[in-house]
Amino acid sequence: MSKKKNKPNYNPPISMFNWFITLLISIIPGVNILFFIFAISFAKAPSKRSFAVAALVLSLLLLAAAAILVWFFSDTIVSWLKSIAETAESAAA
């Protein structure tokens, strides 16, 4: 019987600069969703992969909530924007 060495699954810590770049990319709209998908696919560190999954789920939930709000309140938003435009036109005149 051969003895297998049980090596602990050691992952080196991710540097602060790496996390900083990750957070900077994650605040760019549109790019962040693509970045999270790539991070889920190609990240070697489990913590980075878990962060990308959680951030992607949160981003998609917020995007869906914003779309639903615009869908239901589109008439209110349009009338509010028209009133702002009228106020700006009267102030400029």
PDB file of N, CA and C in Angstrom:
ATOM      1  N   MET A   1       0.825  -1.177   0.000  1.00  0.00           N
ATOM      2  CA  MET A   1       0.000   0.000   0.000  1.00  0.00           C
ATOM      3  C   MET A   1       0.872   1.244   0.000  1.00  0.00           C
ATOM      4  N   SER A   2       0.592   2.133  -0.922  1.00  0.00           N
ATOM      5  CA  SER A   2       1.381   3.358  -0.944  1.00  0.00           C
ATOM      6  C   SER A   2       0.724   4.401  -0.043  1.00  0.00           C
ATOM      7  N   LYS A   3       1.582   5.147   0.582  1.00  0.00           N
ATOM      8  CA  LYS A   3       1.090   6.197   1.475  1.00  0.00           C
ATOM      9  C   LYS A   3       1.009   7.509   0.694  1.00  0.00           C
ATOM     10  N   LYS A   4      -0.144   8.112   0.746  1.00  0.00           N
ATOM     11  CA  LYS A   4      -0.305   9.418   0.128  1.00  0.00           C
ATOM     12  C   LYS A   4      -0.071  10.469   1.194  1.00  0.00           C
ATOM     13  N   LYS A   5       0.658  11.466   0.811  1.00  0.00           N
ATOM     14  CA  LYS A   5       0.850  12.579   1.730  1.00  0.00           C
ATOM     15  C   LYS A   5      -0.360  13.493   1.630  1.00  0.00           C
ATOM     16  N   ASN A   6      -0.961  13.725   2.738  1.00  0.00           N
ATOM     17  CA  ASN A   6      -2.115  14.627   2.773  1.00  0.00           C
ATOM     18  C   ASN A   6      -1.615  16.050   2.936  1.00  0.00           C
ATOM     19  N   LYS A   7      -1.425  16.688   1.808  1.00  0.00           N
ATOM     20  CA  LYS A   7      -0.997  18.077   1.847  1.00  0.00           C
ATOM     21  C   LYS A   7      -2.231  18.951   2.027  1.00  0.00           C
ATOM     22  N   PRO A   8      -2.135  19.906   2.912  1.00  0.00           N
ATOM     23  CA  PRO A   8      -3.281  20.813   3.043  1.00  0.00           C
ATOM     24  C   PRO A   8      -3.421  21.643   1.769  1.00  0.00           C
ATOM     25  N   ASN A   9      -4.644  21.950   1.435  1.00  0.00           N
ATOM     26  CA  ASN A   9      -4.922  22.758   0.253  1.00  0.00           C
ATOM     27  C   ASN A   9      -4.616  24.209   0.598  1.00  0.00           C
ATOM     28  N   TYR A  10      -3.395  24.610   0.325  1.00  0.00           N
ATOM     29  CA  TYR A  10      -2.943  25.954   0.693  1.00  0.00           C
ATOM     30  C   TYR A  10      -3.048  26.871  -0.511  1.00  0.00           C
ATOM     31  N   ASN A  11      -3.737  27.950  -0.341  1.00  0.00           N
ATOM     32  CA  ASN A  11      -3.817  28.982  -1.368  1.00  0.00           C
ATOM     33  C   ASN A  11      -3.171  30.234  -0.813  1.00  0.00           C
ATOM     34  N   PRO A  12      -2.196  30.777  -1.526  1.00  0.00           N
ATOM     35  CA  PRO A  12      -1.547  31.990  -1.025  1.00  0.00           C
ATOM     36  C   PRO A  12      -2.538  33.141  -0.950  1.00  0.00           C
ATOM     37  N   PRO A  13      -2.349  34.033  -0.027  1.00  0.00           N
ATOM     38  CA  PRO A  13      -3.288  35.164   0.094  1.00  0.00           C
ATOM     39  C   PRO A  13      -3.211  36.076  -1.130  1.00  0.00           C
ATOM     40  N   ILE A  14      -4.314  36.721  -1.402  1.00  0.00           N
ATOM     41  CA  ILE A  14      -4.380  37.655  -2.520  1.00  0.00           C
ATOM     42  C   ILE A  14      -3.901  39.011  -2.019  1.00  0.00           C
ATOM     43  N   SER A  15      -3.070  39.661  -2.812  1.00  0.00           N
ATOM     44  CA  SER A  15      -2.479  40.925  -2.380  1.00  0.00           C
ATOM     45  C   SER A  15      -3.534  42.034  -2.304  1.00  0.00           C
ATOM     46  N   MET A  16      -3.212  43.057  -1.540  1.00  0.00           N
ATOM     47  CA  MET A  16      -4.120  44.189  -1.398  1.00  0.00           C
ATOM     48  C   MET A  16      -4.273  44.912  -2.736  1.00  0.00           C
ATOM     49  N   PHE A  17      -3.197  45.000  -3.500  1.00  0.00           N
ATOM     50  CA  PHE A  17      -3.261  45.643  -4.815  1.00  0.00           C
ATOM     51  C   PHE A  17      -4.204  44.884  -5.739  1.00  0.00           C
ATOM     52  N   ASN A  18      -4.173  43.559  -5.697  1.00  0.00           N
ATOM     53  CA  ASN A  18      -5.063  42.739  -6.510  1.00  0.00           C
ATOM     54  C   ASN A  18      -6.520  42.985  -6.133  1.00  0.00           C
ATOM     55  N   TRP A  19      -6.813  43.048  -4.832  1.00  0.00           N
ATOM     56  CA  TRP A  19      -8.187  43.340  -4.405  1.00  0.00           C
ATOM     57  C   TRP A  19      -8.590  44.756  -4.793  1.00  0.00           C
ATOM     58  N   PHE A  20      -7.654  45.704  -4.720  1.00  0.00           N
ATOM     59  CA  PHE A  20      -7.939  47.086  -5.083  1.00  0.00           C
ATOM     60  C   PHE A  20      -8.333  47.174  -6.560  1.00  0.00           C
ATOM     61  N   ILE A  21      -7.569  46.508  -7.425  1.00  0.00           N
ATOM     62  CA  ILE A  21      -7.892  46.501  -8.849  1.00  0.00           C
ATOM     63  C   ILE A  21      -9.239  45.817  -9.089  1.00  0.00           C
ATOM     64  N   THR A  22      -9.499  44.741  -8.355  1.00  0.00           N
ATOM     65  CA  THR A  22     -10.780  44.046  -8.481  1.00  0.00           C
ATOM     66  C   THR A  22     -11.939  44.968  -8.127  1.00  0.00           C
ATOM     67  N   LEU A  23     -11.805  45.725  -7.049  1.00  0.00           N
ATOM     68  CA  LEU A  23     -12.872  46.639  -6.653  1.00  0.00           C
ATOM     69  C   LEU A  23     -13.020  47.801  -7.626  1.00  0.00           C
ATOM     70  N   LEU A  24     -11.920  48.294  -8.182  1.00  0.00           N
ATOM     71  CA  LEU A  24     -12.006  49.365  -9.173  1.00  0.00           C
ATOM     72  C   LEU A  24     -12.744  48.892 -10.424  1.00  0.00           C
ATOM     73  N   ILE A  25     -12.434  47.693 -10.883  1.00  0.00           N
ATOM     74  CA  ILE A  25     -13.112  47.163 -12.067  1.00  0.00           C
ATOM     75  C   ILE A  25     -14.584  46.894 -11.770  1.00  0.00           C
ATOM     76  N   SER A  26     -14.880  46.504 -10.542  1.00  0.00           N
ATOM     77  CA  SER A  26     -16.260  46.146 -10.221  1.00  0.00           C
ATOM     78  C   SER A  26     -17.191  47.354 -10.117  1.00  0.00           C
ATOM     79  N   ILE A  27     -16.663  48.586 -10.099  1.00  0.00           N
ATOM     80  CA  ILE A  27     -17.556  49.749 -10.050  1.00  0.00           C
ATOM     81  C   ILE A  27     -17.850  50.322 -11.438  1.00  0.00           C
ATOM     82  N   ILE A  28     -17.258  49.749 -12.486  1.00  0.00           N
ATOM     83  CA  ILE A  28     -17.519  50.222 -13.840  1.00  0.00           C
ATOM     84  C   ILE A  28     -18.747  49.475 -14.382  1.00  0.00           C
ATOM     85  N   PRO A  29     -19.825  50.198 -14.670  1.00  0.00           N
ATOM     86  CA  PRO A  29     -21.041  49.528 -15.134  1.00  0.00           C
ATOM     87  C   PRO A  29     -20.816  48.783 -16.451  1.00  0.00           C
ATOM     88  N   GLY A  30     -21.376  47.607 -16.543  1.00  0.00           N
ATOM     89  CA  GLY A  30     -21.261  46.798 -17.745  1.00  0.00           C
ATOM     90  C   GLY A  30     -20.002  45.955 -17.760  1.00  0.00           C
ATOM     91  N   VAL A  31     -18.876  46.589 -17.512  1.00  0.00           N
ATOM     92  CA  VAL A  31     -17.600  45.870 -17.471  1.00  0.00           C
ATOM     93  C   VAL A  31     -17.579  44.928 -16.272  1.00  0.00           C
ATOM     94  N   ASN A  32     -18.224  45.357 -15.177  1.00  0.00           N
ATOM     95  CA  ASN A  32     -18.175  44.550 -13.958  1.00  0.00           C
ATOM     96  C   ASN A  32     -18.816  43.178 -14.149  1.00  0.00           C
ATOM     97  N   ILE A  33     -19.908  43.101 -14.869  1.00  0.00           N
ATOM     98  CA  ILE A  33     -20.567  41.805 -15.059  1.00  0.00           C
ATOM     99  C   ILE A  33     -19.685  40.869 -15.886  1.00  0.00           C
ATOM    100  N   LEU A  34     -19.066  41.407 -16.941  1.00  0.00           N
ATOM    101  CA  LEU A  34     -18.138  40.589 -17.726  1.00  0.00           C
ATOM    102  C   LEU A  34     -16.937  40.156 -16.884  1.00  0.00           C
ATOM    103  N   PHE A  35     -16.430  41.083 -16.074  1.00  0.00           N
ATOM    104  CA  PHE A  35     -15.292  40.762 -15.219  1.00  0.00           C
ATOM    105  C   PHE A  35     -15.640  39.658 -14.222  1.00  0.00           C
ATOM    106  N   PHE A  36     -16.828  39.723 -13.640  1.00  0.00           N
ATOM    107  CA  PHE A  36     -17.222  38.693 -12.676  1.00  0.00           C
ATOM    108  C   PHE A  36     -17.361  37.333 -13.347  1.00  0.00           C
ATOM    109  N   ILE A  37     -17.883  37.315 -14.563  1.00  0.00           N
ATOM    110  CA  ILE A  37     -18.008  36.044 -15.286  1.00  0.00           C
ATOM    111  C   ILE A  37     -16.626  35.465 -15.566  1.00  0.00           C
ATOM    112  N   PHE A  38     -15.688  36.312 -16.006  1.00  0.00           N
ATOM    113  CA  PHE A  38     -14.328  35.833 -16.249  1.00  0.00           C
ATOM    114  C   PHE A  38     -13.645  35.404 -14.957  1.00  0.00           C
ATOM    115  N   ALA A  39     -13.899  36.139 -13.875  1.00  0.00           N
ATOM    116  CA  ALA A  39     -13.283  35.775 -12.592  1.00  0.00           C
ATOM    117  C   ALA A  39     -13.809  34.439 -12.085  1.00  0.00           C
ATOM    118  N   ILE A  40     -15.090  34.184 -12.291  1.00  0.00           N
ATOM    119  CA  ILE A  40     -15.649  32.887 -11.892  1.00  0.00           C
ATOM    120  C   ILE A  40     -14.996  31.770 -12.703  1.00  0.00           C
ATOM    121  N   SER A  41     -14.758  32.030 -13.971  1.00  0.00           N
ATOM    122  CA  SER A  41     -14.199  30.994 -14.838  1.00  0.00           C
ATOM    123  C   SER A  41     -12.705  30.770 -14.636  1.00  0.00           C
ATOM    124  N   PHE A  42     -11.956  31.842 -14.434  1.00  0.00           N
ATOM    125  CA  PHE A  42     -10.505  31.731 -14.486  1.00  0.00           C
ATOM    126  C   PHE A  42      -9.773  32.007 -13.179  1.00  0.00           C
ATOM    127  N   ALA A  43     -10.457  32.410 -12.116  1.00  0.00           N
ATOM    128  CA  ALA A  43      -9.771  32.716 -10.863  1.00  0.00           C
ATOM    129  C   ALA A  43      -9.210  31.450 -10.235  1.00  0.00           C
ATOM    130  N   LYS A  44      -7.991  31.556  -9.734  1.00  0.00           N
ATOM    131  CA  LYS A  44      -7.353  30.402  -9.094  1.00  0.00           C
ATOM    132  C   LYS A  44      -7.641  30.361  -7.601  1.00  0.00           C
ATOM    133  N   ALA A  45      -7.836  31.517  -7.019  1.00  0.00           N
ATOM    134  CA  ALA A  45      -8.083  31.581  -5.577  1.00  0.00           C
ATOM    135  C   ALA A  45      -9.570  31.402  -5.297  1.00  0.00           C
ATOM    136  N   PRO A  46      -9.917  30.508  -4.378  1.00  0.00           N
ATOM    137  CA  PRO A  46     -11.336  30.308  -4.064  1.00  0.00           C
ATOM    138  C   PRO A  46     -12.011  31.559  -3.502  1.00  0.00           C
ATOM    139  N   SER A  47     -11.270  32.381  -2.777  1.00  0.00           N
ATOM    140  CA  SER A  47     -11.886  33.589  -2.227  1.00  0.00           C
ATOM    141  C   SER A  47     -12.271  34.562  -3.327  1.00  0.00           C
ATOM    142  N   LYS A  48     -11.438  34.674  -4.360  1.00  0.00           N
ATOM    143  CA  LYS A  48     -11.754  35.557  -5.480  1.00  0.00           C
ATOM    144  C   LYS A  48     -12.950  35.015  -6.256  1.00  0.00           C
ATOM    145  N   ARG A  49     -13.025  33.702  -6.426  1.00  0.00           N
ATOM    146  CA  ARG A  49     -14.148  33.075  -7.133  1.00  0.00           C
ATOM    147  C   ARG A  49     -15.445  33.268  -6.354  1.00  0.00           C
ATOM    148  N   SER A  50     -15.394  33.091  -5.055  1.00  0.00           N
ATOM    149  CA  SER A  50     -16.592  33.276  -4.222  1.00  0.00           C
ATOM    150  C   SER A  50     -17.061  34.722  -4.247  1.00  0.00           C
ATOM    151  N   PHE A  51     -16.112  35.649  -4.190  1.00  0.00           N
ATOM    152  CA  PHE A  51     -16.456  37.065  -4.274  1.00  0.00           C
ATOM    153  C   PHE A  51     -17.128  37.371  -5.608  1.00  0.00           C
ATOM    154  N   ALA A  52     -16.604  36.819  -6.692  1.00  0.00           N
ATOM    155  CA  ALA A  52     -17.163  37.084  -8.009  1.00  0.00           C
ATOM    156  C   ALA A  52     -18.578  36.524  -8.137  1.00  0.00           C
ATOM    157  N   VAL A  53     -18.823  35.350  -7.585  1.00  0.00           N
ATOM    158  CA  VAL A  53     -20.169  34.767  -7.628  1.00  0.00           C
ATOM    159  C   VAL A  53     -21.149  35.646  -6.849  1.00  0.00           C
ATOM    160  N   ALA A  54     -20.761  36.039  -5.645  1.00  0.00           N
ATOM    161  CA  ALA A  54     -21.645  36.867  -4.818  1.00  0.00           C
ATOM    162  C   ALA A  54     -21.893  38.225  -5.462  1.00  0.00           C
ATOM    163  N   ALA A  55     -20.851  38.839  -6.003  1.00  0.00           N
ATOM    164  CA  ALA A  55     -21.012  40.150  -6.631  1.00  0.00           C
ATOM    165  C   ALA A  55     -21.843  40.056  -7.907  1.00  0.00           C
ATOM    166  N   LEU A  56     -21.683  38.978  -8.662  1.00  0.00           N
ATOM    167  CA  LEU A  56     -22.482  38.807  -9.872  1.00  0.00           C
ATOM    168  C   LEU A  56     -23.960  38.635  -9.540  1.00  0.00           C
ATOM    169  N   VAL A  57     -24.257  37.841  -8.538  1.00  0.00           N
ATOM    170  CA  VAL A  57     -25.653  37.657  -8.118  1.00  0.00           C
ATOM    171  C   VAL A  57     -26.238  38.981  -7.650  1.00  0.00           C
ATOM    172  N   LEU A  58     -25.485  39.731  -6.849  1.00  0.00           N
ATOM    173  CA  LEU A  58     -25.959  41.025  -6.350  1.00  0.00           C
ATOM    174  C   LEU A  58     -26.166  42.009  -7.502  1.00  0.00           C
ATOM    175  N   SER A  59     -25.239  42.058  -8.445  1.00  0.00           N
ATOM    176  CA  SER A  59     -25.366  42.968  -9.587  1.00  0.00           C
ATOM    177  C   SER A  59     -26.586  42.634 -10.434  1.00  0.00           C
ATOM    178  N   LEU A  60     -26.805  41.355 -10.667  1.00  0.00           N
ATOM    179  CA  LEU A  60     -27.959  40.967 -11.477  1.00  0.00           C
ATOM    180  C   LEU A  60     -29.281  41.233 -10.756  1.00  0.00           C
ATOM    181  N   LEU A  61     -29.307  41.053  -9.435  1.00  0.00           N
ATOM    182  CA  LEU A  61     -30.514  41.380  -8.673  1.00  0.00           C
ATOM    183  C   LEU A  61     -30.808  42.876  -8.710  1.00  0.00           C
ATOM    184  N   LEU A  62     -29.785  43.697  -8.569  1.00  0.00           N
ATOM    185  CA  LEU A  62     -29.979  45.144  -8.626  1.00  0.00           C
ATOM    186  C   LEU A  62     -30.399  45.595 -10.020  1.00  0.00           C
ATOM    187  N   LEU A  63     -29.830  44.981 -11.042  1.00  0.00           N
ATOM    188  CA  LEU A  63     -30.212  45.308 -12.407  1.00  0.00           C
ATOM    189  C   LEU A  63     -31.675  44.933 -12.664  1.00  0.00           C
ATOM    190  N   ALA A  64     -32.095  43.780 -12.185  1.00  0.00           N
ATOM    191  CA  ALA A  64     -33.483  43.358 -12.343  1.00  0.00           C
ATOM    192  C   ALA A  64     -34.427  44.286 -11.572  1.00  0.00           C
ATOM    193  N   ALA A  65     -34.040  44.674 -10.368  1.00  0.00           N
ATOM    194  CA  ALA A  65     -34.882  45.583  -9.577  1.00  0.00           C
ATOM    195  C   ALA A  65     -35.010  46.941 -10.263  1.00  0.00           C
ATOM    196  N   ALA A  66     -33.920  47.446 -10.823  1.00  0.00           N
ATOM    197  CA  ALA A  66     -33.979  48.729 -11.527  1.00  0.00           C
ATOM    198  C   ALA A  66     -34.866  48.629 -12.765  1.00  0.00           C
ATOM    199  N   ALA A  67     -34.767  47.521 -13.497  1.00  0.00           N
ATOM    200  CA  ALA A  67     -35.610  47.343 -14.689  1.00  0.00           C
ATOM    201  C   ALA A  67     -37.081  47.270 -14.311  1.00  0.00           C
ATOM    202  N   ILE A  68     -37.396  46.598 -13.229  1.00  0.00           N
ATOM    203  CA  ILE A  68     -38.788  46.486 -12.777  1.00  0.00           C
ATOM    204  C   ILE A  68     -39.326  47.847 -12.348  1.00  0.00           C
ATOM    205  N   LEU A  69     -38.501  48.616 -11.637  1.00  0.00           N
ATOM    206  CA  LEU A  69     -38.935  49.950 -11.217  1.00  0.00           C
ATOM    207  C   LEU A  69     -39.174  50.864 -12.407  1.00  0.00           C
ATOM    208  N   VAL A  70     -38.314  50.820 -13.393  1.00  0.00           N
ATOM    209  CA  VAL A  70     -38.506  51.640 -14.590  1.00  0.00           C
ATOM    210  C   VAL A  70     -39.758  51.186 -15.339  1.00  0.00           C
ATOM    211  N   TRP A  71     -39.984  49.897 -15.398  1.00  0.00           N
ATOM    212  CA  TRP A  71     -41.168  49.366 -16.094  1.00  0.00           C
ATOM    213  C   TRP A  71     -42.460  49.876 -15.443  1.00  0.00           C
ATOM    214  N   PHE A  72     -42.542  49.795 -14.123  1.00  0.00           N
ATOM    215  CA  PHE A  72     -43.780  50.165 -13.434  1.00  0.00           C
ATOM    216  C   PHE A  72     -43.962  51.671 -13.272  1.00  0.00           C
ATOM    217  N   PHE A  73     -42.876  52.409 -13.167  1.00  0.00           N
ATOM    218  CA  PHE A  73     -42.980  53.842 -12.904  1.00  0.00           C
ATOM    219  C   PHE A  73     -42.507  54.689 -14.073  1.00  0.00           C
ATOM    220  N   SER A  74     -42.570  54.176 -15.283  1.00  0.00           N
ATOM    221  CA  SER A  74     -42.076  54.925 -16.443  1.00  0.00           C
ATOM    222  C   SER A  74     -42.881  56.197 -16.685  1.00  0.00           C
ATOM    223  N   ASP A  75     -44.199  56.143 -16.513  1.00  0.00           N
ATOM    224  CA  ASP A  75     -45.026  57.348 -16.717  1.00  0.00           C
ATOM    225  C   ASP A  75     -44.665  58.428 -15.705  1.00  0.00           C
ATOM    226  N   THR A  76     -44.462  58.046 -14.474  1.00  0.00           N
ATOM    227  CA  THR A  76     -44.093  59.003 -13.433  1.00  0.00           C
ATOM    228  C   THR A  76     -42.727  59.606 -13.711  1.00  0.00           C
ATOM    229  N   ILE A  77     -41.807  58.791 -14.168  1.00  0.00           N
ATOM    230  CA  ILE A  77     -40.459  59.280 -14.468  1.00  0.00           C
ATOM    231  C   ILE A  77     -40.490  60.269 -15.625  1.00  0.00           C
ATOM    232  N   VAL A  78     -41.258  59.954 -16.671  1.00  0.00           N
ATOM    233  CA  VAL A  78     -41.349  60.845 -17.829  1.00  0.00           C
ATOM    234  C   VAL A  78     -41.983  62.175 -17.441  1.00  0.00           C
ATOM    235  N   SER A  79     -43.057  62.147 -16.653  1.00  0.00           N
ATOM    236  CA  SER A  79     -43.697  63.408 -16.253  1.00  0.00           C
ATOM    237  C   SER A  79     -42.775  64.222 -15.336  1.00  0.00           C
ATOM    238  N   TRP A  80     -42.018  63.564 -14.501  1.00  0.00           N
ATOM    239  CA  TRP A  80     -41.066  64.269 -13.638  1.00  0.00           C
ATOM    240  C   TRP A  80     -39.969  64.925 -14.463  1.00  0.00           C
ATOM    241  N   LEU A  81     -39.458  64.224 -15.474  1.00  0.00           N
ATOM    242  CA  LEU A  81     -38.427  64.793 -16.332  1.00  0.00           C
ATOM    243  C   LEU A  81     -38.968  65.961 -17.153  1.00  0.00           C
ATOM    244  N   LYS A  82     -40.238  65.882 -17.591  1.00  0.00           N
ATOM    245  CA  LYS A  82     -40.847  66.997 -18.321  1.00  0.00           C
ATOM    246  C   LYS A  82     -40.979  68.224 -17.432  1.00  0.00           C
ATOM    247  N   SER A  83     -41.354  68.018 -16.183  1.00  0.00           N
ATOM    248  CA  SER A  83     -41.476  69.163 -15.267  1.00  0.00           C
ATOM    249  C   SER A  83     -40.109  69.791 -14.992  1.00  0.00           C
ATOM    250  N   ILE A  84     -39.079  68.977 -14.919  1.00  0.00           N
ATOM    251  CA  ILE A  84     -37.718  69.524 -14.736  1.00  0.00           C
ATOM    252  C   ILE A  84     -37.311  70.325 -15.961  1.00  0.00           C
ATOM    253  N   ALA A  85     -37.606  69.819 -17.171  1.00  0.00           N
ATOM    254  CA  ALA A  85     -37.269  70.533 -18.398  1.00  0.00           C
ATOM    255  C   ALA A  85     -38.018  71.854 -18.488  1.00  0.00           C
ATOM    256  N   GLU A  86     -39.298  71.865 -18.115  1.00  0.00           N
ATOM    257  CA  GLU A  86     -40.078  73.107 -18.139  1.00  0.00           C
ATOM    258  C   GLU A  86     -39.525  74.120 -17.139  1.00  0.00           C
ATOM    259  N   THR A  87     -39.132  73.641 -15.972  1.00  0.00           N
ATOM    260  CA  THR A  87     -38.548  74.539 -14.965  1.00  0.00           C
ATOM    261  C   THR A  87     -37.222  75.121 -15.458  1.00  0.00           C
ATOM    262  N   ALA A  88     -36.426  74.295 -16.113  1.00  0.00           N
ATOM    263  CA  ALA A  88     -35.145  74.774 -16.635  1.00  0.00           C
ATOM    264  C   ALA A  88     -35.355  75.782 -17.757  1.00  0.00           C
ATOM    265  N   GLU A  89     -36.353  75.550 -18.614  1.00  0.00           N
ATOM    266  CA  GLU A  89     -36.633  76.485 -19.711  1.00  0.00           C
ATOM    267  C   GLU A  89     -37.131  77.827 -19.166  1.00  0.00           C
ATOM    268  N   SER A  90     -37.980  77.770 -18.145  1.00  0.00           N
ATOM    269  CA  SER A  90     -38.491  79.038 -17.580  1.00  0.00           C
ATOM    270  C   SER A  90     -37.406  79.773 -16.819  1.00  0.00           C
ATOM    271  N   ALA A  91     -36.478  79.078 -16.233  1.00  0.00           N
ATOM    272  CA  ALA A  91     -35.379  79.727 -15.510  1.00  0.00           C
ATOM    273  C   ALA A  91     -34.390  80.344 -16.494  1.00  0.00           C
ATOM    274  N   ALA A  92     -34.209  79.715 -17.655  1.00  0.00           N
ATOM    275  CA  ALA A  92     -33.265  80.228 -18.649  1.00  0.00           C
ATOM    276  C   ALA A  92     -33.829  81.430 -19.393  1.00  0.00           C
ATOM    277  N   ALA A  93     -35.143  81.555 -19.424  1.00  0.00           N
ATOM    278  CA  ALA A  93     -35.757  82.670 -20.183  1.00  0.00           C
ATOM    279  C   ALA A  93     -35.784  83.955 -19.424  1.00  0.00           C
TER     280      ALA A  93
END
